[in-house]
């Protein structure tokens, strides 16, 4: 569910949605979500002063709280 959420959000923001890759890495007490986009789309995913990246992290955090999990979103 988290992976699909991040993937859908990223694909809606970028010009090259086919280059969006989301990896899910399960750890002991947390989950790491790695988001990779085309270099020219990086600014669109991060946003001015990181606002869009912060919004994506907030949405994922809310979804994770409902499932009682800790999720970290990393943009690569």
N, C-alpha and C. Protein backbone atom coordinates (compact mmCIF):
# COMPACT_ATOMS: atom_id res chain seq x y z
N UNK A 1 0.82 -1.20 0.00
CA UNK A 1 0.00 0.00 0.00
C UNK A 1 0.87 1.26 0.00
N UNK A 2 1.88 1.29 0.85
CA UNK A 2 2.76 2.47 0.92
C UNK A 2 3.52 2.68 -0.39
N UNK A 3 4.00 1.57 -0.94
CA UNK A 3 4.76 1.64 -2.18
C UNK A 3 3.90 2.23 -3.30
N UNK A 4 2.66 1.77 -3.40
CA UNK A 4 1.75 2.27 -4.43
C UNK A 4 1.42 3.75 -4.22
N UNK A 5 1.28 4.15 -2.96
CA UNK A 5 0.99 5.55 -2.65
C UNK A 5 2.11 6.45 -3.14
N UNK A 6 3.35 6.12 -2.80
CA UNK A 6 4.50 6.92 -3.20
C UNK A 6 4.65 6.91 -4.73
N UNK A 7 4.46 5.74 -5.32
CA UNK A 7 4.59 5.61 -6.78
C UNK A 7 3.56 6.46 -7.51
N UNK A 8 2.31 6.41 -7.07
CA UNK A 8 1.26 7.20 -7.71
C UNK A 8 1.48 8.70 -7.55
N UNK A 9 1.90 9.12 -6.36
CA UNK A 9 2.18 10.54 -6.13
C UNK A 9 3.31 11.02 -7.04
N UNK A 10 4.39 10.24 -7.10
CA UNK A 10 5.55 10.63 -7.91
C UNK A 10 5.20 10.67 -9.39
N UNK A 11 4.48 9.67 -9.87
CA UNK A 11 4.11 9.63 -11.30
C UNK A 11 3.23 10.80 -11.69
N UNK A 12 2.41 11.27 -10.76
CA UNK A 12 1.54 12.42 -11.04
C UNK A 12 2.34 13.73 -11.13
N UNK A 13 3.50 13.77 -10.49
CA UNK A 13 4.28 15.00 -10.43
C UNK A 13 5.28 15.16 -11.58
N UNK A 14 5.80 14.07 -12.11
CA UNK A 14 6.93 14.13 -13.04
C UNK A 14 6.50 14.14 -14.50
N UNK A 15 7.46 14.51 -15.38
CA UNK A 15 7.22 14.50 -16.82
C UNK A 15 7.47 13.12 -17.42
N UNK A 16 8.30 12.31 -16.75
CA UNK A 16 8.66 10.97 -17.24
C UNK A 16 8.23 9.91 -16.23
N UNK A 17 6.93 9.62 -16.16
CA UNK A 17 6.45 8.67 -15.15
C UNK A 17 6.99 7.25 -15.33
N UNK A 18 7.42 6.92 -16.55
CA UNK A 18 7.96 5.57 -16.78
C UNK A 18 9.31 5.36 -16.10
N UNK A 19 9.97 6.44 -15.70
CA UNK A 19 11.28 6.33 -15.04
C UNK A 19 11.19 6.36 -13.52
N UNK A 20 9.97 6.38 -12.98
CA UNK A 20 9.78 6.35 -11.53
C UNK A 20 9.96 4.92 -11.03
N UNK A 21 10.86 4.76 -10.06
CA UNK A 21 11.11 3.45 -9.46
C UNK A 21 11.00 3.59 -7.95
N UNK A 22 10.22 2.71 -7.34
CA UNK A 22 10.04 2.72 -5.90
C UNK A 22 10.45 1.37 -5.34
N UNK A 23 11.40 1.38 -4.40
CA UNK A 23 11.85 0.15 -3.74
C UNK A 23 11.42 0.18 -2.28
N UNK A 24 10.97 -0.96 -1.81
CA UNK A 24 10.52 -1.10 -0.42
C UNK A 24 11.52 -2.00 0.31
N UNK A 25 12.12 -1.49 1.37
CA UNK A 25 13.10 -2.26 2.14
C UNK A 25 12.57 -2.41 3.57
N UNK A 26 12.26 -3.64 3.93
CA UNK A 26 11.74 -3.92 5.28
C UNK A 26 12.91 -4.08 6.25
N UNK A 27 12.83 -3.39 7.37
CA UNK A 27 13.81 -3.54 8.44
C UNK A 27 13.09 -4.04 9.68
N UNK A 28 13.80 -4.17 10.78
CA UNK A 28 13.21 -4.71 12.00
C UNK A 28 11.94 -3.97 12.43
N UNK A 29 12.10 -2.69 12.72
CA UNK A 29 10.96 -1.93 13.25
C UNK A 29 10.49 -0.84 12.31
N UNK A 30 11.07 -0.77 11.12
CA UNK A 30 10.68 0.28 10.19
C UNK A 30 10.75 -0.21 8.75
N UNK A 31 10.22 0.60 7.87
CA UNK A 31 10.24 0.31 6.44
C UNK A 31 10.86 1.52 5.74
N UNK A 32 11.78 1.25 4.83
CA UNK A 32 12.42 2.31 4.05
C UNK A 32 11.86 2.26 2.64
N UNK A 33 11.38 3.39 2.16
CA UNK A 33 10.88 3.49 0.78
C UNK A 33 11.84 4.39 0.02
N UNK A 34 12.48 3.82 -1.00
CA UNK A 34 13.41 4.58 -1.85
C UNK A 34 12.68 4.99 -3.12
N UNK A 35 12.71 6.28 -3.41
CA UNK A 35 12.07 6.82 -4.61
C UNK A 35 13.14 7.32 -5.56
N UNK A 36 13.15 6.78 -6.77
CA UNK A 36 14.10 7.21 -7.80
C UNK A 36 13.30 7.77 -8.97
N UNK A 37 13.74 8.93 -9.46
CA UNK A 37 13.11 9.55 -10.64
C UNK A 37 14.21 9.99 -11.59
N UNK A 38 13.81 10.38 -12.80
CA UNK A 38 14.77 10.88 -13.77
C UNK A 38 15.42 12.15 -13.20
N UNK A 39 16.71 12.37 -13.49
CA UNK A 39 17.42 13.54 -12.94
C UNK A 39 16.71 14.87 -13.23
N UNK A 40 16.13 14.99 -14.42
CA UNK A 40 15.46 16.25 -14.76
C UNK A 40 14.13 16.43 -14.03
N UNK A 41 13.59 15.37 -13.44
CA UNK A 41 12.34 15.45 -12.68
C UNK A 41 12.58 15.60 -11.18
N UNK A 42 13.82 15.57 -10.75
CA UNK A 42 14.15 15.61 -9.33
C UNK A 42 13.57 16.87 -8.66
N UNK A 43 13.68 18.01 -9.33
CA UNK A 43 13.17 19.26 -8.76
C UNK A 43 11.66 19.24 -8.56
N UNK A 44 10.95 18.54 -9.44
CA UNK A 44 9.49 18.48 -9.32
C UNK A 44 9.07 17.64 -8.13
N UNK A 45 9.86 16.62 -7.80
CA UNK A 45 9.52 15.76 -6.68
C UNK A 45 9.92 16.41 -5.36
N UNK A 46 11.01 17.15 -5.37
CA UNK A 46 11.47 17.81 -4.14
C UNK A 46 10.70 19.10 -3.89
N UNK A 47 10.51 19.90 -4.93
CA UNK A 47 9.77 21.15 -4.78
C UNK A 47 10.62 22.26 -4.20
N UNK A 48 10.06 23.46 -4.20
CA UNK A 48 10.77 24.61 -3.64
C UNK A 48 10.92 24.41 -2.14
N UNK A 49 12.16 24.55 -1.69
CA UNK A 49 12.52 24.39 -0.27
C UNK A 49 12.06 23.04 0.28
N UNK A 50 11.93 22.03 -0.59
CA UNK A 50 11.58 20.69 -0.15
C UNK A 50 10.13 20.49 0.26
N UNK A 51 9.27 21.40 -0.15
CA UNK A 51 7.87 21.34 0.28
C UNK A 51 7.13 20.10 -0.23
N UNK A 52 7.34 19.74 -1.49
CA UNK A 52 6.63 18.59 -2.05
C UNK A 52 7.15 17.30 -1.41
N UNK A 53 8.47 17.20 -1.24
CA UNK A 53 9.05 16.03 -0.58
C UNK A 53 8.50 15.90 0.84
N UNK A 54 8.39 17.01 1.54
CA UNK A 54 7.86 17.00 2.91
C UNK A 54 6.39 16.56 2.91
N UNK A 55 5.64 17.01 1.92
CA UNK A 55 4.22 16.63 1.82
C UNK A 55 4.08 15.14 1.54
N UNK A 56 4.93 14.60 0.66
CA UNK A 56 4.90 13.16 0.38
C UNK A 56 5.21 12.38 1.66
N UNK A 57 6.23 12.81 2.39
CA UNK A 57 6.60 12.13 3.63
C UNK A 57 5.48 12.19 4.66
N UNK A 58 4.79 13.33 4.72
CA UNK A 58 3.68 13.49 5.66
C UNK A 58 2.54 12.55 5.33
N UNK A 59 2.18 12.44 4.05
CA UNK A 59 1.11 11.54 3.63
C UNK A 59 1.45 10.09 3.96
N UNK A 60 2.69 9.71 3.69
CA UNK A 60 3.12 8.34 3.98
C UNK A 60 3.11 8.09 5.48
N UNK A 61 3.54 9.08 6.25
CA UNK A 61 3.56 8.94 7.70
C UNK A 61 2.15 8.73 8.26
N UNK A 62 1.19 9.46 7.72
CA UNK A 62 -0.20 9.31 8.16
C UNK A 62 -0.70 7.91 7.83
N UNK A 63 -0.43 7.44 6.62
CA UNK A 63 -0.85 6.10 6.22
C UNK A 63 -0.16 5.04 7.08
N UNK A 64 1.10 5.26 7.41
CA UNK A 64 1.86 4.30 8.22
C UNK A 64 1.36 4.26 9.66
N UNK A 65 0.95 5.40 10.17
CA UNK A 65 0.44 5.47 11.53
C UNK A 65 -0.83 4.64 11.67
N UNK A 66 -1.65 4.63 10.65
CA UNK A 66 -2.86 3.82 10.68
C UNK A 66 -2.53 2.34 10.77
N UNK A 67 -1.39 1.94 10.20
CA UNK A 67 -0.96 0.54 10.23
C UNK A 67 0.02 0.26 11.37
N UNK A 68 0.25 1.27 12.20
CA UNK A 68 1.17 1.16 13.34
C UNK A 68 2.57 0.74 12.90
N UNK A 69 3.06 1.39 11.87
CA UNK A 69 4.41 1.14 11.35
C UNK A 69 5.18 2.45 11.26
N UNK A 70 6.50 2.34 11.22
CA UNK A 70 7.35 3.51 11.00
C UNK A 70 7.89 3.39 9.58
N UNK A 71 7.65 4.42 8.78
CA UNK A 71 8.08 4.40 7.38
C UNK A 71 8.93 5.63 7.10
N UNK A 72 10.05 5.40 6.41
CA UNK A 72 10.96 6.48 6.02
C UNK A 72 10.98 6.56 4.50
N UNK A 73 10.79 7.76 3.96
CA UNK A 73 10.84 7.96 2.51
C UNK A 73 12.13 8.66 2.17
N UNK A 74 12.91 8.06 1.26
CA UNK A 74 14.19 8.61 0.83
C UNK A 74 14.12 8.85 -0.67
N UNK A 75 14.45 10.06 -1.10
CA UNK A 75 14.48 10.38 -2.52
C UNK A 75 15.92 10.30 -3.00
N UNK A 76 16.14 9.43 -3.98
CA UNK A 76 17.50 9.16 -4.46
C UNK A 76 17.68 9.79 -5.84
